[in-house]
Amino acid sequence: MLYKTRKNLPFLLMVLPGFIWLLVIKYLPMAGVVIAFKDFRYFPGGFINSLLKSEWVGFDNFRFLFASNDAKVIIRNTLGYNIIFIITGTVLAVSFAIMLNELTNHRLSKIYQTSMFFPYFLSWVIVSYFVFTFLSIDKGVVNNILESMGQDPVSWYSETKWWPLFLVLINNWKNVGYSTVFYLAAIVSIDKAYYESAMLDGAGKWKQILYITLPHLKPMIITLTVLAVGRIFNADFGLFYNVPKESGPLFPVTNVIDTYVYRGLMKTGDVGITTATGLLQSTVGFIMIMLTNAIIRKVDKENSIF
């Protein structure tokens, strides 16, 4: 045992910084989940003293979250948007990856990849101003086009019916390029002998995609989908907070759990509610990952994550 430890010591030392980072950043803060069950107040003497002196309220923070009039709306929006994001994001990313792989002009393919990947690096603040350039009621591109056609301008930031579509389009525009890179890398790694054999057997492009490309992408699709399902109770705060410009009339279709908690924290300063929501999101995410993986294991055990 001592010999093995000495033999592996260089490798253990290499892993040590990452282990320390994981311990400090990911595991030690987990002790703070106790705040979710307390009416947290700041007392002189620092955080530990405040944590000890704060009153224990049990599940009151969770009850308050679900008892609010907005609970149904924010849960519906959070789950609904994430389900649509997962489906459309996967379909678009796989489709774009296949199309990019079929391009024979490699220089043009690189240009397309860069163009699709670039929006991922933009912050939601910048994206929100891009969107505002199009949807501004007085100087927006869309309203200028409508006026040139003799139509009345639309107050886009007050019309709720359009924003579910806008948010789905904007989210996919920003994030699909990132997922496409993963799928494209997986397609490139497929052994070309499969395609050559299929061509000799008379299989066209569609059959090659259907019977070779997609089956090889199946493990990655499953893995990324399971990970996405794990965050189905979490919303992209930047998308739902910055892009709609905090417009009150849009809250019925843009208010999600994360923005609701943020606004509540800014108004009331209730740290307990915030922590309770974070714990709830993590718990639901863990349950969804385990449930999804269990279903996949029953259907296709080889492609389950664990």
Protein backbone atom coordinates (compact mmCIF):
# COMPACT_ATOMS: atom_id res chain seq x y z
CA MET A 1 0.00 0.00 0.00
CA LEU A 2 2.84 2.38 0.93
CA TYR A 3 4.65 1.48 -2.30
CA LYS A 4 1.57 2.31 -4.39
CA THR A 5 1.17 5.62 -2.57
CA ARG A 6 4.79 6.59 -3.25
CA LYS A 7 4.45 5.51 -6.87
CA ASN A 8 1.32 7.60 -7.39
CA LEU A 9 2.50 10.56 -5.29
CA PRO A 10 3.39 12.79 -8.31
CA PHE A 11 -0.06 12.21 -9.78
CA LEU A 12 -1.76 12.84 -6.44
CA LEU A 13 0.13 16.13 -6.10
CA MET A 14 -1.02 17.11 -9.60
CA VAL A 15 -4.63 16.45 -8.62
CA LEU A 16 -4.31 18.22 -5.24
CA PRO A 17 -4.93 21.84 -6.46
CA GLY A 18 -8.09 20.76 -8.27
CA PHE A 19 -9.25 18.78 -5.24
CA ILE A 20 -8.68 21.76 -2.93
CA TRP A 21 -10.57 24.05 -5.32
CA LEU A 22 -13.45 21.57 -5.50
CA LEU A 23 -13.54 21.23 -1.72
CA VAL A 24 -13.45 24.97 -1.01
CA ILE A 25 -15.75 26.16 -3.79
CA LYS A 26 -18.23 23.30 -4.09
CA TYR A 27 -18.44 21.39 -0.81
CA LEU A 28 -17.64 23.70 2.10
CA PRO A 29 -20.36 26.23 1.12
CA MET A 30 -22.93 23.41 1.28
CA ALA A 31 -23.02 23.93 5.04
CA GLY A 32 -24.83 27.19 4.28
CA VAL A 33 -27.98 25.32 3.20
CA VAL A 34 -29.07 25.53 6.82
CA ILE A 35 -29.96 29.17 6.09
CA ALA A 36 -32.90 27.86 4.06
CA PHE A 37 -34.48 26.72 7.32
CA LYS A 38 -33.80 29.90 9.29
CA ASP A 39 -35.05 33.46 9.44
CA PHE A 40 -31.54 34.70 8.75
CA ARG A 41 -30.58 38.02 10.31
CA TYR A 42 -27.22 39.75 10.56
CA PHE A 43 -25.84 40.08 14.09
CA PRO A 44 -22.57 41.61 15.33
CA GLY A 45 -19.80 39.05 15.40
CA GLY A 46 -19.72 37.86 11.81
CA PHE A 47 -21.47 35.30 9.66
CA ILE A 48 -21.12 32.32 12.02
CA ASN A 49 -22.59 34.26 14.93
CA SER A 50 -25.45 35.46 12.72
CA LEU A 51 -26.10 31.89 11.56
CA LEU A 52 -26.23 30.58 15.12
CA LYS A 53 -28.45 33.36 16.47
CA SER A 54 -30.94 33.40 13.59
CA GLU A 55 -34.30 31.86 14.44
CA TRP A 56 -35.06 28.35 13.15
CA VAL A 57 -38.26 28.45 11.07
CA GLY A 58 -38.23 25.00 9.48
CA PHE A 59 -40.00 24.91 6.12
CA ASP A 60 -41.57 28.37 6.42
CA ASN A 61 -39.32 29.80 3.69
CA PHE A 62 -40.48 27.09 1.28
CA ARG A 63 -44.11 27.64 2.23
CA PHE A 64 -43.74 31.36 1.62
CA LEU A 65 -42.26 30.70 -1.82
CA PHE A 66 -45.14 28.46 -2.91
CA ALA A 67 -47.83 30.49 -1.16
CA SER A 68 -47.15 33.61 -3.24
CA ASN A 69 -49.59 34.52 -6.01
CA ASP A 70 -46.76 34.32 -8.55
CA ALA A 71 -45.68 30.77 -7.63
CA LYS A 72 -47.74 29.09 -10.34
CA VAL A 73 -46.56 31.54 -13.00
CA ILE A 74 -42.85 31.35 -12.23
CA ILE A 75 -42.84 27.54 -11.99
CA ARG A 76 -44.82 27.24 -15.23
CA ASN A 77 -42.49 29.64 -17.04
CA THR A 78 -39.31 28.05 -15.69
CA LEU A 79 -40.29 24.49 -16.60
CA GLY A 80 -42.02 25.41 -19.87
CA TYR A 81 -39.17 27.46 -21.30
CA ASN A 82 -36.52 24.92 -20.27
CA ILE A 83 -38.41 22.06 -21.91
CA ILE A 84 -38.66 24.07 -25.14
CA PHE A 85 -35.00 25.12 -24.90
CA ILE A 86 -33.87 21.50 -24.49
CA ILE A 87 -35.92 20.23 -27.43
CA THR A 88 -35.22 23.05 -29.88
CA GLY A 89 -31.59 23.41 -28.80
CA THR A 90 -30.86 19.72 -29.34
CA VAL A 91 -32.63 19.51 -32.69
CA LEU A 92 -30.98 22.67 -34.04
CA ALA A 93 -27.51 21.83 -32.74
CA VAL A 94 -27.56 18.32 -34.23
CA SER A 95 -28.97 19.62 -37.53
CA PHE A 96 -26.38 22.39 -37.85
CA ALA A 97 -23.55 20.00 -36.95
CA ILE A 98 -24.63 17.58 -39.67
CA MET A 99 -24.95 20.38 -42.24
CA LEU A 100 -21.54 21.83 -41.36
CA ASN A 101 -19.97 18.39 -41.66
CA GLU A 102 -21.44 17.97 -45.13
CA LEU A 103 -19.87 21.20 -46.43
CA THR A 104 -17.05 20.43 -48.83
CA ASN A 105 -15.62 23.95 -48.65
CA HIS A 106 -13.66 23.79 -45.38
CA ARG A 107 -12.90 27.52 -45.32
CA LEU A 108 -16.60 28.32 -45.62
CA SER A 109 -17.32 25.75 -42.91
CA LYS A 110 -14.88 27.48 -40.54
CA ILE A 111 -16.55 30.84 -41.22
CA TYR A 112 -19.97 29.37 -40.41
CA GLN A 113 -18.66 27.73 -37.23
CA THR A 114 -17.11 30.97 -36.01
CA SER A 115 -20.24 32.96 -36.83
CA MET A 116 -22.45 30.53 -34.92
CA PHE A 117 -20.08 30.26 -31.95
CA PHE A 118 -19.46 34.00 -31.53
CA PRO A 119 -22.83 34.93 -29.90
CA TYR A 120 -22.12 32.52 -27.05
CA PHE A 121 -19.37 34.85 -25.78
CA LEU A 122 -21.64 37.92 -25.69
CA SER A 123 -23.07 38.90 -22.32
CA TRP A 124 -26.83 39.13 -21.96
CA VAL A 125 -26.48 42.87 -21.34
CA ILE A 126 -25.04 43.34 -24.82
CA VAL A 127 -27.63 40.99 -26.33
CA SER A 128 -30.41 42.98 -24.62
CA TYR A 129 -29.29 46.14 -26.43
CA PHE A 130 -29.13 44.27 -29.73
CA VAL A 131 -32.73 43.19 -29.17
CA PHE A 132 -33.72 46.72 -28.13
CA THR A 133 -32.29 48.00 -31.43
CA PHE A 134 -34.87 45.89 -33.24
CA LEU A 135 -37.82 46.23 -30.87
CA SER A 136 -37.65 49.83 -29.65
CA ILE A 137 -41.05 51.46 -30.13
CA ASP A 138 -39.75 54.69 -31.66
CA LYS A 139 -36.43 53.85 -33.35
CA GLY A 140 -36.55 50.08 -33.60
CA VAL A 141 -35.78 48.42 -36.90
CA VAL A 142 -38.95 46.31 -36.83
CA ASN A 143 -41.25 49.28 -36.20
CA ASN A 144 -39.50 51.32 -38.89
CA ILE A 145 -40.21 48.53 -41.35
CA LEU A 146 -43.84 48.33 -40.22
CA GLU A 147 -44.29 52.10 -40.61
CA SER A 148 -42.76 52.00 -44.09
CA MET A 149 -45.44 49.43 -44.96
CA GLY A 150 -48.19 51.66 -43.59
CA GLN A 151 -48.65 49.67 -40.36
CA ASP A 152 -48.88 51.09 -36.84
CA PRO A 153 -45.81 50.64 -34.62
CA VAL A 154 -46.05 47.96 -31.95
CA SER A 155 -45.10 48.44 -28.31
CA TRP A 156 -43.11 45.22 -28.18
CA TYR A 157 -42.13 45.61 -24.53
CA SER A 158 -45.80 45.63 -23.53
CA GLU A 159 -47.11 42.83 -25.77
CA THR A 160 -46.84 39.51 -23.91
CA LYS A 161 -47.97 37.29 -26.80
CA TRP A 162 -44.74 37.74 -28.77
CA TRP A 163 -42.19 37.20 -26.01
CA PRO A 164 -42.30 33.41 -25.64
CA LEU A 165 -41.27 33.24 -29.30
CA PHE A 166 -38.67 36.00 -28.90
CA LEU A 167 -37.06 34.36 -25.87
CA VAL A 168 -36.83 30.96 -27.58
CA LEU A 169 -35.29 32.50 -30.71
CA ILE A 170 -32.83 34.64 -28.75
CA ASN A 171 -31.76 31.77 -26.50
CA ASN A 172 -31.14 29.49 -29.47
CA TRP A 173 -29.31 32.21 -31.39
CA LYS A 174 -26.92 32.68 -28.49
CA ASN A 175 -26.39 29.09 -27.31
CA VAL A 176 -26.92 26.69 -30.21
CA GLY A 177 -23.49 27.40 -31.69
CA TYR A 178 -21.82 26.17 -28.50
CA SER A 179 -23.67 22.83 -28.57
CA THR A 180 -23.07 22.50 -32.29
CA VAL A 181 -19.32 22.39 -31.70
CA PHE A 182 -19.71 19.33 -29.45
CA TYR A 183 -21.84 17.46 -31.94
CA LEU A 184 -19.61 18.42 -34.85
CA ALA A 185 -16.55 17.12 -33.01
CA ALA A 186 -18.38 13.84 -32.39
CA ILE A 187 -19.34 13.55 -36.08
CA VAL A 188 -15.77 14.22 -37.23
CA SER A 189 -14.51 11.43 -34.96
CA ILE A 190 -16.76 8.81 -36.63
CA ASP A 191 -14.74 6.27 -38.59
CA LYS A 192 -15.00 7.09 -42.31
CA ALA A 193 -15.08 3.38 -43.11
CA TYR A 194 -18.74 3.28 -42.04
CA TYR A 195 -19.67 5.87 -44.66
CA GLU A 196 -17.53 4.22 -47.35
CA SER A 197 -19.23 0.86 -46.72
CA ALA A 198 -22.64 2.51 -46.80
CA MET A 199 -21.81 4.21 -50.12
CA LEU A 200 -20.72 0.87 -51.60
CA ASP A 201 -24.06 -0.58 -50.52
CA GLY A 202 -25.86 2.25 -52.31
CA ALA A 203 -26.94 4.27 -49.25
CA GLY A 204 -27.54 7.96 -49.94
CA LYS A 205 -26.80 10.89 -47.63
CA TRP A 206 -30.10 10.67 -45.76
CA LYS A 207 -29.63 6.98 -44.98
CA GLN A 208 -26.03 7.59 -43.93
CA ILE A 209 -27.20 10.28 -41.54
CA LEU A 210 -30.07 8.15 -40.26
CA TYR A 211 -28.19 4.89 -39.76
CA ILE A 212 -24.60 6.05 -39.09
CA THR A 213 -24.39 9.66 -37.91
CA LEU A 214 -27.36 9.79 -35.54
CA PRO A 215 -26.63 6.44 -33.82
CA HIS A 216 -23.06 7.61 -33.14
CA LEU A 217 -24.39 10.90 -31.75
CA LYS A 218 -26.90 9.13 -29.53
CA PRO A 219 -24.63 8.81 -26.44
CA MET A 220 -23.72 12.51 -26.54
CA ILE A 221 -27.33 13.55 -27.12
CA ILE A 222 -28.40 11.51 -24.10
CA THR A 223 -25.61 12.85 -21.88
CA LEU A 224 -26.21 16.51 -22.74
CA THR A 225 -29.97 16.06 -22.41
CA VAL A 226 -29.67 14.48 -18.96
CA LEU A 227 -27.41 17.32 -17.81
CA ALA A 228 -29.88 19.85 -19.20
CA VAL A 229 -32.77 18.12 -17.45
CA GLY A 230 -30.81 18.47 -14.22
CA ARG A 231 -31.10 22.25 -14.57
CA ILE A 232 -34.73 22.24 -15.66
CA PHE A 233 -35.75 24.07 -12.47
CA ASN A 234 -33.11 26.76 -13.05
CA ALA A 235 -33.56 29.66 -15.47
CA ASP A 236 -30.98 31.71 -17.34
CA PHE A 237 -31.15 34.87 -15.25
CA GLY A 238 -29.54 37.10 -17.89
CA LEU A 239 -32.00 36.07 -20.56
CA PHE A 240 -35.14 36.66 -18.49
CA TYR A 241 -33.94 39.72 -16.60
CA ASN A 242 -31.90 41.78 -19.07
CA VAL A 243 -33.52 41.08 -22.43
CA PRO A 244 -37.13 42.09 -21.48
CA LYS A 245 -35.73 45.29 -19.90
CA GLU A 246 -37.54 44.71 -16.57
CA SER A 247 -40.84 45.51 -18.27
CA GLY A 248 -43.69 44.96 -15.79
CA PRO A 249 -46.35 44.11 -18.40
CA LEU A 250 -44.15 41.21 -19.56
CA PHE A 251 -43.82 39.57 -16.13
CA PRO A 252 -46.56 36.96 -16.86
CA VAL A 253 -44.34 35.47 -19.59
CA THR A 254 -40.83 36.50 -18.49
CA ASN A 255 -40.88 36.08 -14.72
CA VAL A 256 -39.12 32.86 -13.68
CA ILE A 257 -37.89 31.50 -10.37
CA ASP A 258 -34.47 33.18 -10.56
CA THR A 259 -35.79 36.63 -11.43
CA TYR A 260 -38.58 36.35 -8.86
CA VAL A 261 -36.10 35.56 -6.10
CA TYR A 262 -33.75 38.33 -7.19
CA ARG A 263 -36.48 40.93 -7.18
CA GLY A 264 -37.71 39.70 -3.82
CA LEU A 265 -34.19 39.85 -2.38
CA MET A 266 -33.67 43.38 -3.63
CA LYS A 267 -36.94 44.51 -2.06
CA THR A 268 -36.98 42.55 1.21
CA GLY A 269 -33.37 41.41 1.67
CA ASP A 270 -34.62 37.99 2.79
CA VAL A 271 -31.61 35.69 2.47
CA GLY A 272 -33.58 32.71 3.81
CA ILE A 273 -36.01 32.71 0.88
CA THR A 274 -33.13 32.94 -1.59
CA THR A 275 -31.30 30.03 -0.01
CA ALA A 276 -34.49 27.97 0.17
CA THR A 277 -35.07 28.52 -3.54
CA GLY A 278 -31.51 27.56 -4.40
CA LEU A 279 -31.79 24.39 -2.31
CA LEU A 280 -35.12 23.55 -3.93
CA GLN A 281 -33.65 24.02 -7.42
CA SER A 282 -30.67 21.79 -6.59
CA THR A 283 -32.87 19.11 -5.05
CA VAL A 284 -35.25 19.03 -8.00
CA GLY A 285 -32.27 18.98 -10.39
CA PHE A 286 -30.73 16.01 -8.56
CA ILE A 287 -34.03 14.11 -8.59
CA MET A 288 -34.54 14.83 -12.31
CA ILE A 289 -31.05 13.61 -13.19
CA MET A 290 -31.51 10.38 -11.23
CA LEU A 291 -34.99 9.82 -12.66
CA THR A 292 -33.95 10.53 -16.25
CA ASN A 293 -30.88 8.33 -15.96
CA ALA A 294 -32.99 5.51 -14.47
CA ILE A 295 -35.38 5.69 -17.41
CA ILE A 296 -32.50 5.66 -19.90
CA ARG A 297 -30.91 2.72 -18.08
CA LYS A 298 -34.10 0.70 -18.50
CA VAL A 299 -34.45 1.59 -22.18
CA ASP A 300 -30.77 1.59 -23.21
CA LYS A 301 -28.42 0.62 -20.40
CA GLU A 302 -25.22 1.14 -22.41
CA ASN A 303 -25.93 4.85 -22.91
CA SER A 304 -26.88 5.68 -19.33
CA ILE A 305 -24.49 8.03 -17.50
CA PHE A 306 -24.18 5.79 -14.43
